[in-house]
PDB file of N, CA and C in Angstrom:
ATOM      1  N   VAL A   1       5.840  22.380 -26.112  1.00  0.00           N
ATOM      2  CA  VAL A   1       6.325  22.499 -23.833  1.00  0.00           C
ATOM      3  C   VAL A   1       7.604  21.898 -23.618  1.00  0.00           C
ATOM      4  N   ARG A   2       7.968  22.388 -23.464  1.00  0.00           N
ATOM      5  CA  ARG A   2       9.539  22.210 -23.613  1.00  0.00           C
ATOM      6  C   ARG A   2       9.651  21.810 -21.845  1.00  0.00           C
ATOM      7  N   LEU A   3      10.690  20.591 -21.420  1.00  0.00           N
ATOM      8  CA  LEU A   3      11.187  19.969 -20.598  1.00  0.00           C
ATOM      9  C   LEU A   3      11.211  20.790 -19.600  1.00  0.00           C
ATOM     10  N   GLY A   4      12.323  22.029 -19.772  1.00  0.00           N
ATOM     11  CA  GLY A   4      12.772  23.193 -18.699  1.00  0.00           C
ATOM     12  C   GLY A   4      11.255  24.259 -18.251  1.00  0.00           C
ATOM     13  N   MET A   5      10.276  24.292 -19.281  1.00  0.00           N
ATOM     14  CA  MET A   5       8.811  24.289 -18.785  1.00  0.00           C
ATOM     15  C   MET A   5       8.127  23.905 -17.599  1.00  0.00           C
ATOM     16  N   THR A   6       8.198  22.457 -17.505  1.00  0.00           N
ATOM     17  CA  THR A   6       7.069  21.683 -16.875  1.00  0.00           C
ATOM     18  C   THR A   6       8.386  21.921 -15.589  1.00  0.00           C
ATOM     19  N   THR A   7       9.597  21.557 -15.223  1.00  0.00           N
ATOM     20  CA  THR A   7      10.232  21.013 -14.428  1.00  0.00           C
ATOM     21  C   THR A   7      11.134  22.439 -13.909  1.00  0.00           C
ATOM     22  N   GLY A   8      11.505  23.477 -14.413  1.00  0.00           N
ATOM     23  CA  GLY A   8      12.088  24.757 -13.796  1.00  0.00           C
ATOM     24  C   GLY A   8      13.156  24.538 -13.950  1.00  0.00           C
ATOM     25  N   ARG A   9      13.610  25.276 -13.261  1.00  0.00           N
ATOM     26  CA  ARG A   9      15.432  25.640 -14.060  1.00  0.00           C
ATOM     27  C   ARG A   9      16.215  24.593 -12.300  1.00  0.00           C
ATOM     28  N   LEU A  10      17.459  23.993 -12.734  1.00  0.00           N
ATOM     29  CA  LEU A  10      18.147  23.078 -12.173  1.00  0.00           C
ATOM     30  C   LEU A  10      18.931  24.144 -11.524  1.00  0.00           C
ATOM     31  N   GLN A  11      18.748  23.423 -10.536  1.00  0.00           N
ATOM     32  CA  GLN A  11      19.599  24.520  -9.612  1.00  0.00           C
ATOM     33  C   GLN A  11      21.643  23.955  -9.672  1.00  0.00           C
ATOM     34  N   SER A  12      22.413  25.166  -9.580  1.00  0.00           N
ATOM     35  CA  SER A  12      23.657  25.101  -9.646  1.00  0.00           C
ATOM     36  C   SER A  12      24.599  24.043  -9.648  1.00  0.00           C
ATOM     37  N   GLY A  13      25.068  22.723 -10.487  1.00  0.00           N
ATOM     38  CA  GLY A  13      25.727  22.200  -9.863  1.00  0.00           C
ATOM     39  C   GLY A  13      25.246  20.763 -10.118  1.00  0.00           C
ATOM     40  N   VAL A  14      23.811  20.549 -10.458  1.00  0.00           N
ATOM     41  CA  VAL A  14      22.831  19.306 -10.460  1.00  0.00           C
ATOM     42  C   VAL A  14      23.191  18.568 -11.476  1.00  0.00           C
ATOM     43  N   ASN A  15      23.232  17.694 -12.029  1.00  0.00           N
ATOM     44  CA  ASN A  15      22.970  17.375 -13.318  1.00  0.00           C
ATOM     45  C   ASN A  15      21.695  16.029 -14.089  1.00  0.00           C
ATOM     46  N   THR A  16      20.755  15.922 -12.333  1.00  0.00           N
ATOM     47  CA  THR A  16      19.715  15.040 -13.168  1.00  0.00           C
ATOM     48  C   THR A  16      18.458  15.864 -11.894  1.00  0.00           C
ATOM     49  N   LEU A  17      17.515  15.299 -12.632  1.00  0.00           N
ATOM     50  CA  LEU A  17      16.326  15.572 -12.080  1.00  0.00           C
ATOM     51  C   LEU A  17      15.987  14.955 -10.306  1.00  0.00           C
ATOM     52  N   GLN A  18      15.206  15.719  -9.725  1.00  0.00           N
ATOM     53  CA  GLN A  18      14.775  15.162  -8.456  1.00  0.00           C
ATOM     54  C   GLN A  18      14.033  14.108  -8.617  1.00  0.00           C
ATOM     55  N   GLY A  19      14.403  12.672  -7.579  1.00  0.00           N
ATOM     56  CA  GLY A  19      13.919  11.978  -7.610  1.00  0.00           C
ATOM     57  C   GLY A  19      12.418  11.655  -7.428  1.00  0.00           C
ATOM     58  N   PHE A  20      11.377  10.756  -7.276  1.00  0.00           N
ATOM     59  CA  PHE A  20      10.030  10.895  -7.097  1.00  0.00           C
ATOM     60  C   PHE A  20      10.209   9.466  -6.543  1.00  0.00           C
ATOM     61  N   LYS A  21      10.027   9.921  -5.196  1.00  0.00           N
ATOM     62  CA  LYS A  21       9.198   9.026  -3.670  1.00  0.00           C
ATOM     63  C   LYS A  21       7.703   8.622  -3.177  1.00  0.00           C
ATOM     64  N   GLU A  22       6.957   7.883  -3.467  1.00  0.00           N
ATOM     65  CA  GLU A  22       5.876   8.278  -3.688  1.00  0.00           C
ATOM     66  C   GLU A  22       5.140   7.947  -1.929  1.00  0.00           C
ATOM     67  N   ASP A  23       4.055   8.788  -1.904  1.00  0.00           N
ATOM     68  CA  ASP A  23       3.902  10.054  -0.530  1.00  0.00           C
ATOM     69  C   ASP A  23       3.153   7.728   0.724  1.00  0.00           C
ATOM     70  N   LYS A  24       3.660   7.791   1.795  1.00  0.00           N
ATOM     71  CA  LYS A  24       3.267   7.185   2.302  1.00  0.00           C
ATOM     72  C   LYS A  24       1.807   7.163   2.967  1.00  0.00           C
ATOM     73  N   ARG A  25       1.064   7.514   2.738  1.00  0.00           N
ATOM     74  CA  ARG A  25      -0.850   7.673   2.085  1.00  0.00           C
ATOM     75  C   ARG A  25      -0.950   7.427   1.560  1.00  0.00           C
ATOM     76  N   ASN A  26      -0.546   7.133   0.311  1.00  0.00           N
ATOM     77  CA  ASN A  26      -0.790   6.724  -0.627  1.00  0.00           C
ATOM     78  C   ASN A  26      -1.055   4.872  -0.486  1.00  0.00           C
ATOM     79  N   LYS A  27      -0.252   4.527   0.555  1.00  0.00           N
ATOM     80  CA  LYS A  27      -0.508   2.634   0.726  1.00  0.00           C
ATOM     81  C   LYS A  27      -1.527   2.490   0.985  1.00  0.00           C
ATOM     82  N   VAL A  28      -1.560   1.245   0.579  1.00  0.00           N
ATOM     83  CA  VAL A  28      -3.309   0.765   1.308  1.00  0.00           C
ATOM     84  C   VAL A  28      -2.881  -0.590   2.197  1.00  0.00           C
ATOM     85  N   THR A  29      -3.237  -0.748   3.409  1.00  0.00           N
ATOM     86  CA  THR A  29      -2.776  -1.642   4.402  1.00  0.00           C
ATOM     87  C   THR A  29      -3.812  -2.429   4.944  1.00  0.00           C
ATOM     88  N   PRO A  30      -4.392  -3.914   4.274  1.00  0.00           N
ATOM     89  CA  PRO A  30      -5.735  -4.574   4.426  1.00  0.00           C
ATOM     90  C   PRO A  30      -5.541  -5.164   5.399  1.00  0.00           C
ATOM     91  N   VAL A  31      -6.429  -5.801   6.343  1.00  0.00           N
ATOM     92  CA  VAL A  31      -6.892  -6.083   8.200  1.00  0.00           C
ATOM     93  C   VAL A  31      -6.034  -7.519   7.152  1.00  0.00           C
ATOM     94  N   LEU A  32      -5.732  -7.635   8.620  1.00  0.00           N
ATOM     95  CA  LEU A  32      -5.027  -9.539   8.707  1.00  0.00           C
ATOM     96  C   LEU A  32      -5.737 -10.247   9.703  1.00  0.00           C
ATOM     97  N   TYR A  33      -6.043 -11.494   8.687  1.00  0.00           N
ATOM     98  CA  TYR A  33      -6.922 -12.502   9.392  1.00  0.00           C
ATOM     99  C   TYR A  33      -5.957 -13.440   9.956  1.00  0.00           C
ATOM    100  N   LEU A  34      -6.484 -13.835  11.452  1.00  0.00           N
ATOM    101  CA  LEU A  34      -6.174 -14.607  12.208  1.00  0.00           C
ATOM    102  C   LEU A  34      -6.068 -15.853  12.511  1.00  0.00           C
ATOM    103  N   ASN A  35      -5.305 -16.607  12.742  1.00  0.00           N
ATOM    104  CA  ASN A  35      -6.031 -17.995  12.844  1.00  0.00           C
ATOM    105  C   ASN A  35      -5.313 -18.521  14.360  1.00  0.00           C
ATOM    106  N   TYR A  36      -6.316 -19.050  15.121  1.00  0.00           N
ATOM    107  CA  TYR A  36      -5.266 -19.482  16.285  1.00  0.00           C
ATOM    108  C   TYR A  36      -5.353 -20.956  16.785  1.00  0.00           C
ATOM    109  N   GLY A  37      -6.070 -21.628  15.038  1.00  0.00           N
ATOM    110  CA  GLY A  37      -6.307 -22.697  14.813  1.00  0.00           C
ATOM    111  C   GLY A  37      -7.680 -23.368  15.686  1.00  0.00           C
ATOM    112  N   PRO A  38      -8.060 -24.671  15.802  1.00  0.00           N
ATOM    113  CA  PRO A  38      -9.242 -25.153  16.156  1.00  0.00           C
ATOM    114  C   PRO A  38      -9.581 -24.723  17.454  1.00  0.00           C
ATOM    115  N   TYR A  39      -9.160 -24.213  18.240  1.00  0.00           N
ATOM    116  CA  TYR A  39      -9.436 -23.861  19.724  1.00  0.00           C
ATOM    117  C   TYR A  39     -10.163 -22.335  19.987  1.00  0.00           C
ATOM    118  N   SER A  40     -10.520 -21.517  18.501  1.00  0.00           N
ATOM    119  CA  SER A  40     -10.412 -20.358  18.679  1.00  0.00           C
ATOM    120  C   SER A  40     -11.787 -19.239  17.885  1.00  0.00           C
ATOM    121  N   SER A  41     -13.038 -20.385  18.970  1.00  0.00           N
ATOM    122  CA  SER A  41     -14.214 -20.145  18.843  1.00  0.00           C
ATOM    123  C   SER A  41     -14.417 -18.128  19.462  1.00  0.00           C
ATOM    124  N   TYR A  42     -14.079 -18.253  20.061  1.00  0.00           N
ATOM    125  CA  TYR A  42     -14.148 -16.720  20.634  1.00  0.00           C
ATOM    126  C   TYR A  42     -12.744 -15.620  20.759  1.00  0.00           C
ATOM    127  N   ALA A  43     -12.025 -15.993  20.019  1.00  0.00           N
ATOM    128  CA  ALA A  43     -10.858 -15.132  20.136  1.00  0.00           C
ATOM    129  C   ALA A  43     -11.315 -14.671  18.464  1.00  0.00           C
ATOM    130  N   PRO A  44     -10.842 -13.264  18.580  1.00  0.00           N
ATOM    131  CA  PRO A  44     -11.139 -12.200  16.715  1.00  0.00           C
ATOM    132  C   PRO A  44     -10.232 -12.634  15.639  1.00  0.00           C
ATOM    133  N   HIS A  45     -11.510 -12.829  14.979  1.00  0.00           N
ATOM    134  CA  HIS A  45     -10.891 -13.616  13.599  1.00  0.00           C
ATOM    135  C   HIS A  45      -9.886 -12.018  12.424  1.00  0.00           C
ATOM    136  N   TYR A  46     -10.201 -11.030  12.727  1.00  0.00           N
ATOM    137  CA  TYR A  46      -9.380  -9.777  11.992  1.00  0.00           C
ATOM    138  C   TYR A  46      -8.418  -8.891  12.407  1.00  0.00           C
ATOM    139  N   ASP A  47      -7.293  -8.549  12.293  1.00  0.00           N
ATOM    140  CA  ASP A  47      -6.599  -7.508  13.231  1.00  0.00           C
ATOM    141  C   ASP A  47      -6.699  -6.117  12.424  1.00  0.00           C
ATOM    142  N   SER A  48      -7.422  -5.065  12.898  1.00  0.00           N
ATOM    143  CA  SER A  48      -7.026  -4.291  11.691  1.00  0.00           C
ATOM    144  C   SER A  48      -6.662  -2.873  12.406  1.00  0.00           C
ATOM    145  N   THR A  49      -5.865  -3.023  13.491  1.00  0.00           N
ATOM    146  CA  THR A  49      -5.315  -2.157  14.210  1.00  0.00           C
ATOM    147  C   THR A  49      -4.355  -1.348  13.260  1.00  0.00           C
ATOM    148  N   PHE A  50      -3.647  -1.659  11.971  1.00  0.00           N
ATOM    149  CA  PHE A  50      -2.584  -0.948  11.124  1.00  0.00           C
ATOM    150  C   PHE A  50      -3.493  -0.288   9.834  1.00  0.00           C
ATOM    151  N   ALA A  51      -5.022  -1.259   9.673  1.00  0.00           N
ATOM    152  CA  ALA A  51      -5.736  -1.211   8.265  1.00  0.00           C
ATOM    153  C   ALA A  51      -5.396   0.332   8.312  1.00  0.00           C
ATOM    154  N   ASN A  52      -5.737   0.462   7.325  1.00  0.00           N
ATOM    155  CA  ASN A  52      -5.894   2.519   6.562  1.00  0.00           C
ATOM    156  C   ASN A  52      -7.457   1.959   5.581  1.00  0.00           C
ATOM    157  N   ILE A  53      -8.170   0.479   5.042  1.00  0.00           N
ATOM    158  CA  ILE A  53      -9.278   0.043   4.429  1.00  0.00           C
ATOM    159  C   ILE A  53     -10.502  -0.583   5.646  1.00  0.00           C
ATOM    160  N   SER A  54     -11.708  -0.517   5.252  1.00  0.00           N
ATOM    161  CA  SER A  54     -12.102  -0.956   6.111  1.00  0.00           C
ATOM    162  C   SER A  54     -11.766  -3.002   5.426  1.00  0.00           C
ATOM    163  N   LYS A  55     -12.909  -3.597   5.957  1.00  0.00           N
ATOM    164  CA  LYS A  55     -12.686  -5.065   5.935  1.00  0.00           C
ATOM    165  C   LYS A  55     -13.296  -5.484   4.789  1.00  0.00           C
ATOM    166  N   ASP A  56     -14.435  -4.539   4.094  1.00  0.00           N
ATOM    167  CA  ASP A  56     -14.754  -5.696   3.180  1.00  0.00           C
ATOM    168  C   ASP A  56     -14.398  -4.820   1.474  1.00  0.00           C
ATOM    169  N   ASP A  57     -13.499  -3.766   2.372  1.00  0.00           N
ATOM    170  CA  ASP A  57     -12.568  -3.180   0.720  1.00  0.00           C
ATOM    171  C   ASP A  57     -11.301  -4.499   0.910  1.00  0.00           C
ATOM    172  N   SER A  58     -10.559  -4.818   2.662  1.00  0.00           N
ATOM    173  CA  SER A  58      -9.928  -5.829   2.536  1.00  0.00           C
ATOM    174  C   SER A  58     -10.363  -7.347   1.681  1.00  0.00           C
ATOM    175  N   ASP A  59     -11.297  -7.721   2.053  1.00  0.00           N
ATOM    176  CA  ASP A  59     -11.912  -8.763   1.195  1.00  0.00           C
ATOM    177  C   ASP A  59     -12.289  -8.454   0.484  1.00  0.00           C
ATOM    178  N   LEU A  60     -12.321  -7.305  -0.531  1.00  0.00           N
ATOM    179  CA  LEU A  60     -12.421  -7.263  -2.503  1.00  0.00           C
ATOM    180  C   LEU A  60     -11.058  -7.575  -2.627  1.00  0.00           C
ATOM    181  N   ILE A  61     -10.158  -7.134  -1.792  1.00  0.00           N
ATOM    182  CA  ILE A  61      -8.409  -7.064  -2.364  1.00  0.00           C
ATOM    183  C   ILE A  61      -8.491  -8.674  -2.453  1.00  0.00           C
ATOM    184  N   TYR A  62      -8.320  -9.457  -1.664  1.00  0.00           N
ATOM    185  CA  TYR A  62      -7.878 -10.349  -1.109  1.00  0.00           C
ATOM    186  C   TYR A  62      -8.643 -11.097  -2.274  1.00  0.00           C
ATOM    187  N   SER A  63     -10.266 -11.039  -1.909  1.00  0.00           N
ATOM    188  CA  SER A  63     -10.667 -12.399  -3.429  1.00  0.00           C
ATOM    189  C   SER A  63     -10.102 -11.801  -5.051  1.00  0.00           C
ATOM    190  N   THR A  64      -9.477 -10.476  -5.031  1.00  0.00           N
ATOM    191  CA  THR A  64      -9.934 -10.725  -6.530  1.00  0.00           C
ATOM    192  C   THR A  64      -8.342 -10.447  -6.459  1.00  0.00           C
ATOM    193  N   TYR A  65      -6.868 -10.949  -5.302  1.00  0.00           N
ATOM    194  CA  TYR A  65      -5.783 -11.018  -5.884  1.00  0.00           C
ATOM    195  C   TYR A  65      -4.921 -12.306  -4.942  1.00  0.00           C
ATOM    196  N   GLY A  66      -5.574 -12.604  -4.099  1.00  0.00           N
ATOM    197  CA  GLY A  66      -5.467 -13.466  -3.184  1.00  0.00           C
ATOM    198  C   GLY A  66      -4.916 -13.378  -2.226  1.00  0.00           C
ATOM    199  N   GLU A  67      -4.240 -14.437  -1.571  1.00  0.00           N
ATOM    200  CA  GLU A  67      -3.097 -13.828  -0.356  1.00  0.00           C
ATOM    201  C   GLU A  67      -1.542 -13.982  -0.836  1.00  0.00           C
ATOM    202  N   ASP A  68      -1.680 -14.009  -1.921  1.00  0.00           N
ATOM    203  CA  ASP A  68      -0.661 -13.885  -2.587  1.00  0.00           C
ATOM    204  C   ASP A  68       0.723 -12.961  -2.061  1.00  0.00           C
ATOM    205  N   SER A  69       1.879 -13.434  -1.675  1.00  0.00           N
ATOM    206  CA  SER A  69       2.931 -12.442  -2.238  1.00  0.00           C
ATOM    207  C   SER A  69       3.162 -11.686  -3.121  1.00  0.00           C
ATOM    208  N   GLY A  70       2.765 -12.051  -4.474  1.00  0.00           N
ATOM    209  CA  GLY A  70       3.434 -11.223  -5.151  1.00  0.00           C
ATOM    210  C   GLY A  70       2.234 -10.762  -5.778  1.00  0.00           C
ATOM    211  N   LEU A  71       1.815  -9.848  -4.633  1.00  0.00           N
ATOM    212  CA  LEU A  71       0.480  -8.383  -5.135  1.00  0.00           C
ATOM    213  C   LEU A  71       1.895  -7.610  -5.457  1.00  0.00           C
ATOM    214  N   PRO A  72       1.045  -6.036  -6.198  1.00  0.00           N
ATOM    215  CA  PRO A  72       1.559  -5.171  -6.684  1.00  0.00           C
ATOM    216  C   PRO A  72       2.251  -4.411  -5.237  1.00  0.00           C
ATOM    217  N   SER A  73       3.071  -3.593  -5.403  1.00  0.00           N
ATOM    218  CA  SER A  73       3.998  -2.937  -4.406  1.00  0.00           C
ATOM    219  C   SER A  73       2.662  -2.030  -3.595  1.00  0.00           C
ATOM    220  N   ASP A  74       1.599  -1.634  -4.243  1.00  0.00           N
ATOM    221  CA  ASP A  74       0.575  -0.768  -4.019  1.00  0.00           C
ATOM    222  C   ASP A  74      -0.197  -1.603  -2.906  1.00  0.00           C
ATOM    223  N   PHE A  75      -0.121  -2.690  -2.667  1.00  0.00           N
ATOM    224  CA  PHE A  75      -1.156  -3.236  -1.931  1.00  0.00           C
ATOM    225  C   PHE A  75       0.042  -4.095  -0.456  1.00  0.00           C
ATOM    226  N   ARG A  76       1.048  -3.987  -0.600  1.00  0.00           N
ATOM    227  CA  ARG A  76       1.793  -4.535   0.832  1.00  0.00           C
ATOM    228  C   ARG A  76       2.102  -3.251   2.282  1.00  0.00           C
TER     229      ARG A  76
END
């Protein structure tokens, strides 16, 4: 297998291969937990407005990685 067979021919004047960009649909966005302080018994506990995974899946990610800012870029 040659590189030319997998990538195809380069365009005239181009001396590099095309870069890779990850699709936005592959990004995991978990639910956000809200903290209103001690007087928030009737307030919502989490916000799933922009989440694309369920609360259970978000809990699994948070229990595995914690709410650390050092998460892999796929989980930000």
